[in-house]
C-alpha atoms as a PDB file:
ATOM      1  CA  UNK A   1     196.666 -81.732   6.543  1.00  0.00           C
ATOM      2  CA  UNK A   2     194.489 -78.947   5.477  1.00  0.00           C
ATOM      3  CA  UNK A   3     190.676 -79.160   5.759  1.00  0.00           C
ATOM      4  CA  UNK A   4     189.450 -77.659   2.491  1.00  0.00           C
ATOM      5  CA  UNK A   5     185.952 -76.526   1.366  1.00  0.00           C
ATOM      6  CA  UNK A   6     185.491 -77.336  -2.190  1.00  0.00           C
ATOM      7  CA  UNK A   7     185.478 -74.318  -4.433  1.00  0.00           C
ATOM      8  CA  UNK A   8     186.608 -72.095  -1.497  1.00  0.00           C
ATOM      9  CA  UNK A   9     190.037 -70.337  -1.403  1.00  0.00           C
ATOM     10  CA  UNK A  10     189.617 -69.931   2.415  1.00  0.00           C
ATOM     11  CA  UNK A  11     190.513 -72.777   4.550  1.00  0.00           C
ATOM     12  CA  UNK A  12     191.825 -74.052   7.993  1.00  0.00           C
ATOM     13  CA  UNK A  13     194.223 -76.575   8.956  1.00  0.00           C
ATOM     14  CA  UNK A  14     194.581 -78.763  12.168  1.00  0.00           C
ATOM     15  CA  UNK A  15     198.116 -79.932  12.796  1.00  0.00           C
ATOM     16  CA  UNK A  16     200.854 -80.808  15.275  1.00  0.00           C
ATOM     17  CA  UNK A  17     204.447 -79.537  15.049  1.00  0.00           C
ATOM     18  CA  UNK A  18     207.494 -80.648  16.853  1.00  0.00           C
ATOM     19  CA  UNK A  19     209.055 -77.304  17.290  1.00  0.00           C
ATOM     20  CA  UNK A  20     206.083 -75.725  18.859  1.00  0.00           C
ATOM     21  CA  UNK A  21     205.269 -78.746  20.924  1.00  0.00           C
ATOM     22  CA  UNK A  22     208.789 -78.906  22.270  1.00  0.00           C
ATOM     23  CA  UNK A  23     208.668 -75.139  23.510  1.00  0.00           C
ATOM     24  CA  UNK A  24     205.615 -76.321  25.887  1.00  0.00           C
ATOM     25  CA  UNK A  25     207.252 -79.606  26.863  1.00  0.00           C
ATOM     26  CA  UNK A  26     210.451 -77.937  27.995  1.00  0.00           C
ATOM     27  CA  UNK A  27     207.946 -75.463  30.151  1.00  0.00           C
ATOM     28  CA  UNK A  28     206.491 -78.732  31.873  1.00  0.00           C
ATOM     29  CA  UNK A  29     209.905 -80.226  32.542  1.00  0.00           C
ATOM     30  CA  UNK A  30     211.414 -77.085  34.137  1.00  0.00           C
ATOM     31  CA  UNK A  31     208.200 -75.860  35.755  1.00  0.00           C
ATOM     32  CA  UNK A  32     208.501 -72.404  34.472  1.00  0.00           C
ATOM     33  CA  UNK A  33     204.801 -70.865  34.073  1.00  0.00           C
ATOM     34  CA  UNK A  34     204.114 -68.368  31.252  1.00  0.00           C
ATOM     35  CA  UNK A  35     200.460 -67.476  30.785  1.00  0.00           C
ATOM     36  CA  UNK A  36     198.343 -69.027  29.382  1.00  0.00           C
ATOM     37  CA  UNK A  37     200.631 -72.030  29.879  1.00  0.00           C
ATOM     38  CA  UNK A  38     200.633 -71.741  33.641  1.00  0.00           C
ATOM     39  CA  UNK A  39     198.615 -74.779  34.926  1.00  0.00           C
ATOM     40  CA  UNK A  40     201.399 -77.531  34.912  1.00  0.00           C
ATOM     41  CA  UNK A  41     203.043 -79.057  38.029  1.00  0.00           C
ATOM     42  CA  UNK A  42     206.367 -77.910  39.311  1.00  0.00           C
ATOM     43  CA  UNK A  43     209.547 -78.986  37.649  1.00  0.00           C
ATOM     44  CA  UNK A  44     213.222 -79.235  37.814  1.00  0.00           C
ATOM     45  CA  UNK A  45     213.940 -75.510  37.945  1.00  0.00           C
ATOM     46  CA  UNK A  46     217.332 -76.255  36.154  1.00  0.00           C
ATOM     47  CA  UNK A  47     216.516 -73.786  33.186  1.00  0.00           C
ATOM     48  CA  UNK A  48     215.319 -71.078  35.376  1.00  0.00           C
ATOM     49  CA  UNK A  49     218.640 -71.457  37.544  1.00  0.00           C
ATOM     50  CA  UNK A  50     220.424 -71.039  34.272  1.00  0.00           C
ATOM     51  CA  UNK A  51     218.748 -67.747  33.650  1.00  0.00           C
ATOM     52  CA  UNK A  52     215.405 -68.678  31.866  1.00  0.00           C
ATOM     53  CA  UNK A  53     212.770 -66.206  32.505  1.00  0.00           C
ATOM     54  CA  UNK A  54     209.079 -65.981  31.302  1.00  0.00           C
ATOM     55  CA  UNK A  55     210.085 -62.932  29.133  1.00  0.00           C
ATOM     56  CA  UNK A  56     212.860 -64.958  27.378  1.00  0.00           C
ATOM     57  CA  UNK A  57     210.632 -67.998  26.787  1.00  0.00           C
ATOM     58  CA  UNK A  58     207.899 -66.040  25.428  1.00  0.00           C
ATOM     59  CA  UNK A  59     210.233 -64.063  23.061  1.00  0.00           C
ATOM     60  CA  UNK A  60     211.486 -67.492  21.776  1.00  0.00           C
ATOM     61  CA  UNK A  61     208.120 -68.961  21.561  1.00  0.00           C
ATOM     62  CA  UNK A  62     206.901 -66.024  19.230  1.00  0.00           C
ATOM     63  CA  UNK A  63     210.112 -66.455  17.080  1.00  0.00           C
ATOM     64  CA  UNK A  64     209.238 -70.154  16.858  1.00  0.00           C
ATOM     65  CA  UNK A  65     205.504 -69.225  15.665  1.00  0.00           C
ATOM     66  CA  UNK A  66     206.781 -66.633  13.286  1.00  0.00           C
ATOM     67  CA  UNK A  67     209.229 -69.041  11.630  1.00  0.00           C
ATOM     68  CA  UNK A  68     206.288 -71.619  11.284  1.00  0.00           C
ATOM     69  CA  UNK A  69     204.065 -68.932   9.753  1.00  0.00           C
ATOM     70  CA  UNK A  70     206.683 -68.060   7.412  1.00  0.00           C
ATOM     71  CA  UNK A  71     207.116 -71.489   6.308  1.00  0.00           C
ATOM     72  CA  UNK A  72     203.339 -72.054   5.774  1.00  0.00           C
ATOM     73  CA  UNK A  73     203.472 -69.116   3.338  1.00  0.00           C
ATOM     74  CA  UNK A  74     206.082 -70.547   1.250  1.00  0.00           C
ATOM     75  CA  UNK A  75     204.643 -71.989  -1.985  1.00  0.00           C
ATOM     76  CA  UNK A  76     207.689 -73.339  -3.769  1.00  0.00           C
ATOM     77  CA  UNK A  77     208.300 -76.732  -2.442  1.00  0.00           C
ATOM     78  CA  UNK A  78     212.139 -76.625  -2.982  1.00  0.00           C
ATOM     79  CA  UNK A  79     212.256 -73.317  -1.047  1.00  0.00           C
ATOM     80  CA  UNK A  80     210.149 -74.829   1.591  1.00  0.00           C
ATOM     81  CA  UNK A  81     212.422 -77.905   2.160  1.00  0.00           C
ATOM     82  CA  UNK A  82     215.471 -75.807   2.271  1.00  0.00           C
ATOM     83  CA  UNK A  83     214.034 -73.345   4.796  1.00  0.00           C
ATOM     84  CA  UNK A  84     212.350 -75.946   6.916  1.00  0.00           C
ATOM     85  CA  UNK A  85     215.861 -77.976   7.149  1.00  0.00           C
ATOM     86  CA  UNK A  86     217.617 -74.620   8.204  1.00  0.00           C
ATOM     87  CA  UNK A  87     215.296 -74.264  11.028  1.00  0.00           C
ATOM     88  CA  UNK A  88     214.169 -77.791  12.048  1.00  0.00           C
ATOM     89  CA  UNK A  89     215.329 -77.383  15.549  1.00  0.00           C
ATOM     90  CA  UNK A  90     213.684 -74.721  17.502  1.00  0.00           C
ATOM     91  CA  UNK A  91     216.760 -74.094  19.514  1.00  0.00           C
ATOM     92  CA  UNK A  92     218.352 -72.272  16.400  1.00  0.00           C
ATOM     93  CA  UNK A  93     215.873 -69.662  17.060  1.00  0.00           C
ATOM     94  CA  UNK A  94     216.934 -69.144  20.697  1.00  0.00           C
ATOM     95  CA  UNK A  95     217.685 -65.345  21.211  1.00  0.00           C
ATOM     96  CA  UNK A  96     219.355 -65.485  24.629  1.00  0.00           C
ATOM     97  CA  UNK A  97     222.423 -66.666  25.969  1.00  0.00           C
ATOM     98  CA  UNK A  98     224.692 -69.528  24.768  1.00  0.00           C
ATOM     99  CA  UNK A  99     224.647 -71.146  28.117  1.00  0.00           C
ATOM    100  CA  UNK A 100     220.918 -71.692  27.970  1.00  0.00           C
ATOM    101  CA  UNK A 101     221.022 -72.432  24.170  1.00  0.00           C
ATOM    102  CA  UNK A 102     223.411 -75.553  24.927  1.00  0.00           C
ATOM    103  CA  UNK A 103     220.902 -76.745  27.630  1.00  0.00           C
ATOM    104  CA  UNK A 104     217.938 -76.381  25.292  1.00  0.00           C
ATOM    105  CA  UNK A 105     219.680 -78.321  22.661  1.00  0.00           C
ATOM    106  CA  UNK A 106     220.390 -81.223  25.170  1.00  0.00           C
ATOM    107  CA  UNK A 107     216.675 -81.186  26.057  1.00  0.00           C
ATOM    108  CA  UNK A 108     215.655 -81.186  22.266  1.00  0.00           C
ATOM    109  CA  UNK A 109     217.759 -84.319  21.556  1.00  0.00           C
ATOM    110  CA  UNK A 110     215.965 -85.921  24.707  1.00  0.00           C
ATOM    111  CA  UNK A 111     212.719 -84.819  23.222  1.00  0.00           C
ATOM    112  CA  UNK A 112     213.322 -86.108  19.862  1.00  0.00           C
ATOM    113  CA  UNK A 113     214.214 -89.550  21.378  1.00  0.00           C
ATOM    114  CA  UNK A 114     211.259 -89.641  23.733  1.00  0.00           C
ATOM    115  CA  UNK A 115     208.579 -88.474  21.064  1.00  0.00           C
ATOM    116  CA  UNK A 116     209.673 -90.627  18.116  1.00  0.00           C
ATOM    117  CA  UNK A 117     206.563 -92.429  16.980  1.00  0.00           C
ATOM    118  CA  UNK A 118     204.459 -90.673  19.715  1.00  0.00           C
ATOM    119  CA  UNK A 119     203.538 -87.304  18.203  1.00  0.00           C
ATOM    120  CA  UNK A 120     200.785 -88.202  15.900  1.00  0.00           C
ATOM    121  CA  UNK A 121     201.279 -86.512  12.100  1.00  0.00           C
ATOM    122  CA  UNK A 122     198.422 -84.557  10.862  1.00  0.00           C
ATOM    123  CA  UNK A 123     196.890 -87.177   8.917  1.00  0.00           C
ATOM    124  CA  UNK A 124     193.291 -87.375   7.653  1.00  0.00           C
ATOM    125  CA  UNK A 125     192.656 -89.935  10.529  1.00  0.00           C
ATOM    126  CA  UNK A 126     194.099 -87.723  13.180  1.00  0.00           C
ATOM    127  CA  UNK A 127     191.887 -84.856  12.128  1.00  0.00           C
ATOM    128  CA  UNK A 128     188.931 -87.199  11.879  1.00  0.00           C
ATOM    129  CA  UNK A 129     189.361 -88.247  15.548  1.00  0.00           C
ATOM    130  CA  UNK A 130     189.672 -84.610  16.802  1.00  0.00           C
ATOM    131  CA  UNK A 131     186.754 -83.188  14.803  1.00  0.00           C
ATOM    132  CA  UNK A 132     184.262 -85.892  13.363  1.00  0.00           C
ATOM    133  CA  UNK A 133     182.428 -84.827  10.136  1.00  0.00           C
ATOM    134  CA  UNK A 134     179.349 -83.447  11.945  1.00  0.00           C
ATOM    135  CA  UNK A 135     181.597 -81.231  14.000  1.00  0.00           C
ATOM    136  CA  UNK A 136     183.701 -80.138  11.104  1.00  0.00           C
ATOM    137  CA  UNK A 137     180.560 -79.019   9.317  1.00  0.00           C
ATOM    138  CA  UNK A 138     179.314 -77.146  12.316  1.00  0.00           C
ATOM    139  CA  UNK A 139     182.777 -75.511  12.650  1.00  0.00           C
ATOM    140  CA  UNK A 140     182.895 -74.524   8.889  1.00  0.00           C
ATOM    141  CA  UNK A 141     179.497 -72.877   9.388  1.00  0.00           C
ATOM    142  CA  UNK A 142     180.554 -71.242  12.507  1.00  0.00           C
ATOM    143  CA  UNK A 143     183.725 -69.687  10.777  1.00  0.00           C
ATOM    144  CA  UNK A 144     181.893 -68.359   7.730  1.00  0.00           C
ATOM    145  CA  UNK A 145     181.665 -64.913   9.046  1.00  0.00           C
ATOM    146  CA  UNK A 146     185.305 -64.733   9.460  1.00  0.00           C
ATOM    147  CA  UNK A 147     186.250 -65.776   6.089  1.00  0.00           C
ATOM    148  CA  UNK A 148     186.294 -62.058   4.845  1.00  0.00           C
ATOM    149  CA  UNK A 149     188.020 -60.995   8.021  1.00  0.00           C
ATOM    150  CA  UNK A 150     190.902 -63.522   8.504  1.00  0.00           C
ATOM    151  CA  UNK A 151     193.440 -65.239   6.394  1.00  0.00           C
ATOM    152  CA  UNK A 152     193.233 -68.989   6.553  1.00  0.00           C
ATOM    153  CA  UNK A 153     193.683 -70.424   9.828  1.00  0.00           C
ATOM    154  CA  UNK A 154     196.532 -72.535  11.189  1.00  0.00           C
ATOM    155  CA  UNK A 155     195.616 -74.459  14.324  1.00  0.00           C
ATOM    156  CA  UNK A 156     198.208 -76.443  16.267  1.00  0.00           C
ATOM    157  CA  UNK A 157     197.495 -78.998  18.896  1.00  0.00           C
ATOM    158  CA  UNK A 158     200.250 -79.174  21.684  1.00  0.00           C
ATOM    159  CA  UNK A 159     200.785 -81.614  24.492  1.00  0.00           C
ATOM    160  CA  UNK A 160     199.744 -79.540  27.293  1.00  0.00           C
ATOM    161  CA  UNK A 161     196.828 -79.945  29.901  1.00  0.00           C
ATOM    162  CA  UNK A 162     193.773 -77.935  30.623  1.00  0.00           C
ATOM    163  CA  UNK A 163     193.443 -76.703  26.895  1.00  0.00           C
ATOM    164  CA  UNK A 164     194.914 -73.132  26.848  1.00  0.00           C
ATOM    165  CA  UNK A 165     194.414 -71.068  23.968  1.00  0.00           C
ATOM    166  CA  UNK A 166     197.245 -69.010  22.512  1.00  0.00           C
ATOM    167  CA  UNK A 167     196.458 -66.587  19.688  1.00  0.00           C
ATOM    168  CA  UNK A 168     199.098 -65.326  17.282  1.00  0.00           C
ATOM    169  CA  UNK A 169     197.871 -62.922  14.723  1.00  0.00           C
ATOM    170  CA  UNK A 170     196.955 -62.979  12.205  1.00  0.00           C
ATOM    171  CA  UNK A 171     196.533 -66.645  11.460  1.00  0.00           C
ATOM    172  CA  UNK A 172     197.598 -68.907  14.144  1.00  0.00           C
ATOM    173  CA  UNK A 173     196.029 -70.763  17.259  1.00  0.00           C
ATOM    174  CA  UNK A 174     197.844 -72.834  19.662  1.00  0.00           C
ATOM    175  CA  UNK A 175     195.716 -75.230  21.737  1.00  0.00           C
ATOM    176  CA  UNK A 176     196.640 -77.494  24.529  1.00  0.00           C
ATOM    177  CA  UNK A 177     195.223 -80.900  24.014  1.00  0.00           C
ATOM    178  CA  UNK A 178     197.037 -83.324  26.050  1.00  0.00           C
ATOM    179  CA  UNK A 179     196.296 -87.110  25.364  1.00  0.00           C
ATOM    180  CA  UNK A 180     193.763 -85.828  22.749  1.00  0.00           C
ATOM    181  CA  UNK A 181     191.234 -85.267  25.460  1.00  0.00           C
ATOM    182  CA  UNK A 182     189.792 -82.220  23.849  1.00  0.00           C
ATOM    183  CA  UNK A 183     187.669 -83.292  20.884  1.00  0.00           C
ATOM    184  CA  UNK A 184     184.619 -82.583  19.002  1.00  0.00           C
ATOM    185  CA  UNK A 185     182.264 -79.735  20.568  1.00  0.00           C
ATOM    186  CA  UNK A 186     184.872 -78.605  23.062  1.00  0.00           C
ATOM    187  CA  UNK A 187     187.565 -78.184  20.405  1.00  0.00           C
ATOM    188  CA  UNK A 188     185.075 -76.601  17.978  1.00  0.00           C
ATOM    189  CA  UNK A 189     184.216 -73.976  20.566  1.00  0.00           C
ATOM    190  CA  UNK A 190     187.702 -73.151  21.457  1.00  0.00           C
ATOM    191  CA  UNK A 191     188.692 -72.727  17.731  1.00  0.00           C
ATOM    192  CA  UNK A 192     185.664 -70.493  17.252  1.00  0.00           C
ATOM    193  CA  UNK A 193     186.924 -68.414  20.254  1.00  0.00           C
ATOM    194  CA  UNK A 194     190.226 -68.152  18.877  1.00  0.00           C
ATOM    195  CA  UNK A 195     188.922 -66.743  15.494  1.00  0.00           C
ATOM    196  CA  UNK A 196     186.944 -64.275  17.418  1.00  0.00           C
ATOM    197  CA  UNK A 197     190.097 -63.265  19.199  1.00  0.00           C
ATOM    198  CA  UNK A 198     192.246 -62.903  15.929  1.00  0.00           C
ATOM    199  CA  UNK A 199     189.467 -60.930  14.399  1.00  0.00           C
ATOM    200  CA  UNK A 200     189.617 -58.536  17.532  1.00  0.00           C
ATOM    201  CA  UNK A 201     193.427 -58.383  17.068  1.00  0.00           C
ATOM    202  CA  UNK A 202     193.239 -57.619  13.424  1.00  0.00           C
ATOM    203  CA  UNK A 203     193.425 -53.706  14.293  1.00  0.00           C
ATOM    204  CA  UNK A 204     196.418 -54.178  16.490  1.00  0.00           C
ATOM    205  CA  UNK A 205     199.708 -52.596  15.271  1.00  0.00           C
ATOM    206  CA  UNK A 206     201.888 -54.765  12.926  1.00  0.00           C
ATOM    207  CA  UNK A 207     205.060 -54.188  14.975  1.00  0.00           C
ATOM    208  CA  UNK A 208     203.466 -55.975  17.820  1.00  0.00           C
ATOM    209  CA  UNK A 209     203.898 -59.297  15.913  1.00  0.00           C
ATOM    210  CA  UNK A 210     207.765 -60.070  15.519  1.00  0.00           C
ATOM    211  CA  UNK A 211     209.186 -61.446  12.392  1.00  0.00           C
ATOM    212  CA  UNK A 212     211.519 -64.464  12.330  1.00  0.00           C
END
């Protein structure tokens, strides 16, 4: 669901996405900590015992984000459906060992079963709950200076505690929002912080941002 300002081409969207959320879910299950997602309790350590490292997880997470970024850039609906179907499982983007990939696939199937009907779609009601009309108007005003500096923003809310902010230039923010506790003013301020960081990162070298 995209929040659009009438007669403006710039916009931002707030949404959830299963593949991105899964990457954070499996961190919490295993207990591996990778900044800024490093405040969850200890876990099973089974994936770490199989060879999972912070570097491998981060490389994979960036691939998942890059794929989602590329999907959002597709304008042809038929092409989008084909591409989305081909990469529906984030496990397909795993760049490491086949042993770990098999374990991730098992977890993905479990995750799908556990989250059926629980991960809220990005409907107008969902966004309305996260950012009431007053806060949306304030956020739009706050983001006005960035509209000449940044492409349209894609903001992804994930089931992770303590509201970490992950910035993926040039367009994406990932924000922890477990049990929808982050709302209104707090969420608006975190989005604004992310926009500032994206603007600051705009001069970074393009090769720092991996393609899918």
